[in-house]
Amino acid sequence: MKRSTTKNGINKYFRLFSQILFFTVILITAIIHSLAEKGIEVKIPFFSNASLHSLCPFGDVVSVISL
């Protein structure tokens, strides 16, 4: 059975978009967390309260290792 190239193209771009979005959220959260440790407070509604461990799938691994 031959697959439609249009559907594969849409899936490829959706996957790329979701990966870039996820990476951006993790990057911004990590930067804000790093600045907060240095005493610089950044106020962004969603990101200022977000925990890097709750957003990143590897956060549980880091939490377990640090225990």
C-alpha atoms as a PDB file:
ATOM      1  CA  MET A   1       0.000   0.000   0.000  1.00  0.00           C
ATOM      2  CA  LYS A   2       1.435   3.353  -1.039  1.00  0.00           C
ATOM      3  CA  ARG A   3       1.254   6.183   1.494  1.00  0.00           C
ATOM      4  CA  SER A   4       0.291   9.697   0.585  1.00  0.00           C
ATOM      5  CA  THR A   5       3.270  12.068   0.454  1.00  0.00           C
ATOM      6  CA  THR A   6       1.071  14.976   1.542  1.00  0.00           C
ATOM      7  CA  LYS A   7       0.123  13.261   4.791  1.00  0.00           C
ATOM      8  CA  ASN A   8       3.752  12.301   5.501  1.00  0.00           C
ATOM      9  CA  GLY A   9       4.869  15.871   4.822  1.00  0.00           C
ATOM     10  CA  ILE A  10       2.285  17.290   7.215  1.00  0.00           C
ATOM     11  CA  ASN A  11       3.260  14.780   9.906  1.00  0.00           C
ATOM     12  CA  LYS A  12       6.944  15.616   9.447  1.00  0.00           C
ATOM     13  CA  TYR A  13       6.364  19.360   9.843  1.00  0.00           C
ATOM     14  CA  PHE A  14       4.011  18.877  12.798  1.00  0.00           C
ATOM     15  CA  ARG A  15       6.640  16.720  14.526  1.00  0.00           C
ATOM     16  CA  LEU A  16       9.372  19.289  13.832  1.00  0.00           C
ATOM     17  CA  PHE A  17       7.163  22.122  15.107  1.00  0.00           C
ATOM     18  CA  SER A  18       6.295  20.268  18.321  1.00  0.00           C
ATOM     19  CA  GLN A  19       9.971  19.431  18.958  1.00  0.00           C
ATOM     20  CA  ILE A  20      11.036  23.054  18.460  1.00  0.00           C
ATOM     21  CA  LEU A  21       8.224  24.263  20.720  1.00  0.00           C
ATOM     22  CA  PHE A  22       9.130  21.781  23.464  1.00  0.00           C
ATOM     23  CA  PHE A  23      12.834  22.666  23.215  1.00  0.00           C
ATOM     24  CA  THR A  24      12.018  26.388  23.440  1.00  0.00           C
ATOM     25  CA  VAL A  25       9.877  25.938  26.556  1.00  0.00           C
ATOM     26  CA  ILE A  26      12.620  23.891  28.270  1.00  0.00           C
ATOM     27  CA  LEU A  27      15.318  26.383  27.228  1.00  0.00           C
ATOM     28  CA  ILE A  28      13.418  29.429  28.514  1.00  0.00           C
ATOM     29  CA  THR A  29      12.598  27.665  31.780  1.00  0.00           C
ATOM     30  CA  ALA A  30      16.244  26.667  32.268  1.00  0.00           C
ATOM     31  CA  ILE A  31      17.464  30.208  31.603  1.00  0.00           C
ATOM     32  CA  ILE A  32      14.954  31.720  34.039  1.00  0.00           C
ATOM     33  CA  HIS A  33      15.873  29.124  36.665  1.00  0.00           C
ATOM     34  CA  SER A  34      19.567  29.884  36.194  1.00  0.00           C
ATOM     35  CA  LEU A  35      18.969  33.620  36.505  1.00  0.00           C
ATOM     36  CA  ALA A  36      16.853  33.095  39.634  1.00  0.00           C
ATOM     37  CA  GLU A  37      19.726  31.230  41.280  1.00  0.00           C
ATOM     38  CA  LYS A  38      21.926  34.281  40.610  1.00  0.00           C
ATOM     39  CA  GLY A  39      19.347  36.575  42.210  1.00  0.00           C
ATOM     40  CA  ILE A  40      17.924  38.029  38.995  1.00  0.00           C
ATOM     41  CA  GLU A  41      14.151  37.769  38.963  1.00  0.00           C
ATOM     42  CA  VAL A  42      12.368  37.479  35.619  1.00  0.00           C
ATOM     43  CA  LYS A  43       8.592  37.796  35.531  1.00  0.00           C
ATOM     44  CA  ILE A  44       6.995  35.777  32.754  1.00  0.00           C
ATOM     45  CA  PRO A  45       3.548  34.423  33.754  1.00  0.00           C
ATOM     46  CA  PHE A  46       3.903  30.744  32.810  1.00  0.00           C
ATOM     47  CA  PHE A  47       7.649  30.342  32.953  1.00  0.00           C
ATOM     48  CA  SER A  48       8.358  32.052  36.273  1.00  0.00           C
ATOM     49  CA  ASN A  49       6.479  29.388  38.260  1.00  0.00           C
ATOM     50  CA  ALA A  50       7.413  26.414  36.100  1.00  0.00           C
ATOM     51  CA  SER A  51       9.782  23.807  37.457  1.00  0.00           C
ATOM     52  CA  LEU A  52      12.308  22.403  35.030  1.00  0.00           C
ATOM     53  CA  HIS A  53      11.857  18.961  36.602  1.00  0.00           C
ATOM     54  CA  SER A  54       8.128  18.975  35.925  1.00  0.00           C
ATOM     55  CA  LEU A  55       8.503  19.997  32.269  1.00  0.00           C
ATOM     56  CA  CYS A  56      11.454  17.894  31.167  1.00  0.00           C
ATOM     57  CA  PRO A  57      10.949  14.130  30.801  1.00  0.00           C
ATOM     58  CA  PHE A  58      14.449  13.584  32.177  1.00  0.00           C
ATOM     59  CA  GLY A  59      13.635  15.643  35.282  1.00  0.00           C
ATOM     60  CA  ASP A  60      12.616  12.503  37.157  1.00  0.00           C
ATOM     61  CA  VAL A  61      15.986  10.934  36.428  1.00  0.00           C
ATOM     62  CA  VAL A  62      17.784  14.009  37.770  1.00  0.00           C
ATOM     63  CA  SER A  63      15.547  14.069  40.845  1.00  0.00           C
ATOM     64  CA  VAL A  64      16.224  10.411  41.599  1.00  0.00           C
ATOM     65  CA  ILE A  65      19.981  10.851  41.148  1.00  0.00           C
ATOM     66  CA  SER A  66      20.071  13.895  43.449  1.00  0.00           C
ATOM     67  CA  LEU A  67      18.305  12.020  46.271  1.00  0.00           C
END
